[in-house]
């Protein structure tokens, strides 16, 4: 992963790249999470944007961050609730 201001570029397992905007970051129980979207909050299409929640699974000594998409429903619901509280002016639907 590389980043520039509030953008990140993720490389998938298939070596494809995906550029996303980081909308919010949080730390829960010692783990870092990102709320990212395919458009910024200032973008006119933000209402229709796709959002993703990633967990930082990097190990000490990793040269780049390792983010995985949160798929566990219980973990996703808990993290989503925290992001909604942090961003009270934004509506996130799952």
Protein backbone atom coordinates (compact mmCIF):
# COMPACT_ATOMS: atom_id res chain seq x y z
CA UNK A 1 0.00 0.00 0.00
CA UNK A 2 1.17 3.52 -0.70
CA UNK A 3 -0.51 6.73 0.37
CA UNK A 4 -0.68 10.36 -0.63
CA UNK A 5 -2.63 12.68 1.69
CA UNK A 6 -5.97 10.93 2.11
CA UNK A 7 -5.59 8.51 -0.82
CA UNK A 8 -4.25 4.97 -0.72
CA UNK A 9 -3.33 2.63 -3.51
CA UNK A 10 -3.94 -1.02 -2.69
CA UNK A 11 -2.46 -3.89 -4.66
CA UNK A 12 -4.69 -6.97 -4.74
CA UNK A 13 -3.52 -10.58 -4.69
CA UNK A 14 -4.01 -10.51 -8.48
CA UNK A 15 -1.55 -7.56 -8.73
CA UNK A 16 -4.35 -5.16 -9.67
CA UNK A 17 -4.29 -1.70 -8.13
CA UNK A 18 -7.22 0.05 -6.52
CA UNK A 19 -7.06 3.73 -5.58
CA UNK A 20 -9.28 4.71 -2.65
CA UNK A 21 -9.88 7.74 -0.45
CA UNK A 22 -9.41 7.27 3.29
CA UNK A 23 -12.45 8.79 4.96
CA UNK A 24 -11.60 7.90 8.56
CA UNK A 25 -9.11 5.94 10.66
CA UNK A 26 -9.55 4.41 14.09
CA UNK A 27 -7.79 2.07 16.51
CA UNK A 28 -9.83 -0.59 18.29
CA UNK A 29 -8.34 -3.09 20.75
CA UNK A 30 -4.84 -2.39 19.44
CA UNK A 31 -5.79 -2.84 15.76
CA UNK A 32 -5.93 -0.08 13.16
CA UNK A 33 -8.92 0.19 10.81
CA UNK A 34 -9.56 2.34 7.75
CA UNK A 35 -12.85 3.42 6.24
CA UNK A 36 -12.11 3.96 2.55
CA UNK A 37 -14.24 4.86 -0.45
CA UNK A 38 -13.97 5.03 -4.21
CA UNK A 39 -14.76 8.77 -4.03
CA UNK A 40 -13.95 11.58 -1.62
CA UNK A 41 -16.59 13.21 0.58
CA UNK A 42 -16.26 16.35 -1.56
CA UNK A 43 -17.03 14.44 -4.76
CA UNK A 44 -20.45 15.01 -6.33
CA UNK A 45 -20.98 11.23 -6.53
CA UNK A 46 -20.26 10.66 -2.82
CA UNK A 47 -23.88 9.69 -2.12
CA UNK A 48 -23.48 6.66 -4.40
CA UNK A 49 -19.92 5.80 -3.33
CA UNK A 50 -18.84 2.32 -2.31
CA UNK A 51 -17.21 2.12 1.12
CA UNK A 52 -14.82 -0.49 2.42
CA UNK A 53 -13.48 -1.25 5.88
CA UNK A 54 -9.93 -2.53 6.12
CA UNK A 55 -7.99 -3.89 9.08
CA UNK A 56 -4.23 -3.38 9.29
CA UNK A 57 -2.69 -6.86 9.52
CA UNK A 58 0.89 -5.63 9.12
CA UNK A 59 3.58 -7.39 11.10
CA UNK A 60 6.48 -5.63 12.78
CA UNK A 61 9.17 -5.17 10.18
CA UNK A 62 6.82 -5.20 7.16
CA UNK A 63 8.09 -2.69 4.61
CA UNK A 64 4.53 -1.82 3.53
CA UNK A 65 1.21 -1.85 5.34
CA UNK A 66 -0.90 -4.97 4.87
CA UNK A 67 -4.61 -4.18 4.85
CA UNK A 68 -7.31 -6.82 4.58
CA UNK A 69 -10.98 -6.18 4.01
CA UNK A 70 -13.06 -6.91 7.11
CA UNK A 71 -15.45 -9.73 6.22
CA UNK A 72 -16.47 -11.15 9.61
CA UNK A 73 -20.01 -9.88 10.16
CA UNK A 74 -19.62 -9.26 13.91
CA UNK A 75 -16.31 -7.43 13.51
CA UNK A 76 -17.69 -5.46 10.55
CA UNK A 77 -20.82 -4.40 12.46
CA UNK A 78 -18.78 -3.23 15.46
CA UNK A 79 -16.27 -1.26 13.41
CA UNK A 80 -18.99 0.21 11.20
CA UNK A 81 -20.84 1.43 14.28
CA UNK A 82 -17.70 3.19 15.52
CA UNK A 83 -17.08 4.82 12.13
CA UNK A 84 -20.69 6.04 12.02
CA UNK A 85 -20.24 7.63 15.44
CA UNK A 86 -16.97 9.26 14.37
CA UNK A 87 -18.56 10.62 11.19
CA UNK A 88 -21.96 11.72 12.47
CA UNK A 89 -22.53 13.90 9.39
CA UNK A 90 -22.18 10.93 7.01
CA UNK A 91 -24.64 8.08 6.52
CA UNK A 92 -23.08 4.67 5.90
CA UNK A 93 -25.35 1.85 4.82
CA UNK A 94 -24.26 -1.77 4.83
